[in-house]
Protein backbone atom coordinates (compact mmCIF):
# COMPACT_ATOMS: atom_id res chain seq x y z
CA MET A 1 19.41 39.97 -32.49
CA ALA A 2 23.54 38.46 -33.00
CA GLN A 3 22.37 35.62 -31.12
CA ALA A 4 19.95 34.90 -33.80
CA LEU A 5 22.69 34.71 -36.63
CA ARG A 6 24.73 32.40 -35.51
CA PRO A 7 26.22 29.79 -38.10
CA ASN A 8 25.40 26.02 -37.74
CA THR A 9 29.14 24.03 -36.46
CA ALA A 10 27.18 20.86 -35.77
CA GLY A 11 29.52 17.99 -36.78
CA SER A 12 25.63 16.73 -37.74
CA LEU A 13 23.20 17.47 -40.96
CA PHE A 14 20.28 15.73 -38.66
CA ALA A 15 21.69 17.12 -35.16
CA THR A 16 20.59 20.57 -34.13
CA ASP A 17 22.36 20.10 -30.42
CA GLY A 18 26.18 20.44 -31.80
CA LYS A 19 27.00 16.87 -31.50
CA PRO A 20 27.69 14.29 -33.74
CA HIS A 21 25.24 11.09 -33.75
CA PRO A 22 26.56 8.72 -35.92
CA LEU A 23 23.66 5.67 -35.28
CA GLN A 24 20.81 8.17 -35.76
CA ASP A 25 22.61 9.42 -39.08
CA SER A 26 23.12 5.68 -39.90
CA LEU A 27 19.40 4.55 -38.47
CA LEU A 28 17.79 7.36 -40.60
CA ALA A 29 19.67 7.24 -44.17
CA VAL A 30 18.67 3.69 -44.26
CA THR A 31 15.23 3.86 -43.29
CA LEU A 32 14.77 6.55 -46.20
CA VAL A 33 16.35 3.93 -48.87
CA LEU A 34 14.40 1.21 -47.77
CA GLY A 35 11.42 3.23 -47.48
CA LEU A 36 11.98 4.22 -51.17
CA THR A 37 12.53 1.30 -52.42
CA ALA A 38 9.96 -0.34 -51.03
CA PHE A 39 7.73 2.69 -52.19
CA VAL A 40 8.85 3.14 -55.36
CA THR A 41 8.83 -1.08 -56.02
CA ALA A 42 4.87 -1.61 -54.55
CA MET A 43 3.74 0.32 -57.83
CA PHE A 44 4.68 -3.27 -59.83
CA HIS A 45 3.08 -5.43 -58.87
CA SER A 46 5.26 -8.46 -59.43
CA LEU A 47 7.76 -6.86 -57.17
CA HIS A 48 5.86 -8.09 -54.55
CA LEU A 49 8.42 -9.74 -52.37
CA LEU A 50 11.19 -7.35 -52.73
CA SER A 51 8.38 -4.26 -51.74
CA SER A 52 6.92 -6.04 -49.16
CA TRP A 53 10.57 -7.12 -47.05
CA THR A 54 11.97 -4.26 -47.97
CA GLY A 55 8.95 -2.12 -46.34
CA LEU A 56 9.22 -4.42 -43.59
CA VAL A 57 13.15 -3.80 -42.47
CA GLY A 58 12.08 -0.29 -42.90
CA ILE A 59 9.69 -0.79 -40.55
CA LEU A 60 11.28 -2.17 -38.05
CA THR A 61 14.59 0.30 -38.54
CA GLY A 62 12.81 3.19 -38.49
CA ALA A 63 10.90 1.93 -34.57
CA TYR A 64 14.18 1.18 -33.43
CA GLY A 65 15.67 4.83 -34.85
CA GLN A 66 12.96 6.54 -33.37
CA PHE A 67 13.80 4.94 -29.75
CA VAL A 68 16.97 5.86 -30.26
CA SER A 69 16.73 9.69 -32.11
CA GLU A 70 17.32 12.72 -29.78
CA THR A 71 16.65 15.39 -32.08
CA THR A 72 13.13 16.76 -33.74
CA ARG A 73 14.56 16.66 -37.70
CA GLU A 74 15.89 13.10 -37.46
CA ARG A 75 12.78 12.06 -35.54
CA PHE A 76 11.23 13.85 -39.18
CA GLY A 77 12.88 11.95 -42.17
CA LEU A 78 12.73 8.82 -39.91
CA ILE A 79 8.55 9.85 -39.96
CA LEU A 80 9.47 9.65 -43.35
CA GLY A 81 11.29 6.79 -43.91
CA LEU A 82 8.60 5.10 -42.01
CA GLY A 83 5.25 6.22 -43.71
CA ALA A 84 7.18 4.94 -47.09
CA SER A 85 7.81 1.89 -45.84
CA ALA A 86 4.52 0.99 -44.16
CA VAL A 87 3.04 2.23 -47.39
CA GLY A 88 5.03 -0.02 -49.58
CA PHE A 89 4.58 -3.21 -46.88
CA PHE A 90 1.13 -3.03 -46.97
CA LEU A 91 0.94 -2.52 -50.92
CA GLY A 92 3.43 -4.99 -51.22
CA MET A 93 1.29 -7.77 -48.75
CA ALA A 94 -1.65 -7.06 -50.79
CA HIS A 95 -0.04 -7.90 -54.24
CA GLY A 96 1.04 -11.41 -52.47
CA GLY A 97 3.02 -11.20 -49.39
CA LEU A 98 5.52 -12.38 -48.03
CA PHE A 99 5.90 -14.93 -49.78
CA GLY A 100 3.83 -14.98 -52.27
CA GLY A 101 4.24 -17.52 -54.92
CA VAL A 102 7.52 -18.79 -53.79
CA PHE A 103 5.71 -22.05 -51.64
CA GLY A 104 3.77 -23.36 -54.81
């Protein structure tokens, strides 16, 4: 039963294999920040440019992060960021889109 109480000495908060993953952790952080920004700004009709662009970039970084992720913890955080980015992107598109009101 002693093996169940081993301390986690991994170099990364999200790495469960004991190895550091700086690229994956950076993509995770960027995706979460973009997703939160897109989600919060999508609640305001006048911020549709910010929510749609941050949502789109968050979807792209999250998709690449899923492609290169190595642990389940990383994938879990990326899915949360991707979901928030997608909601922000779609609501931003519904409120005016990527270029709504800029060219005309």
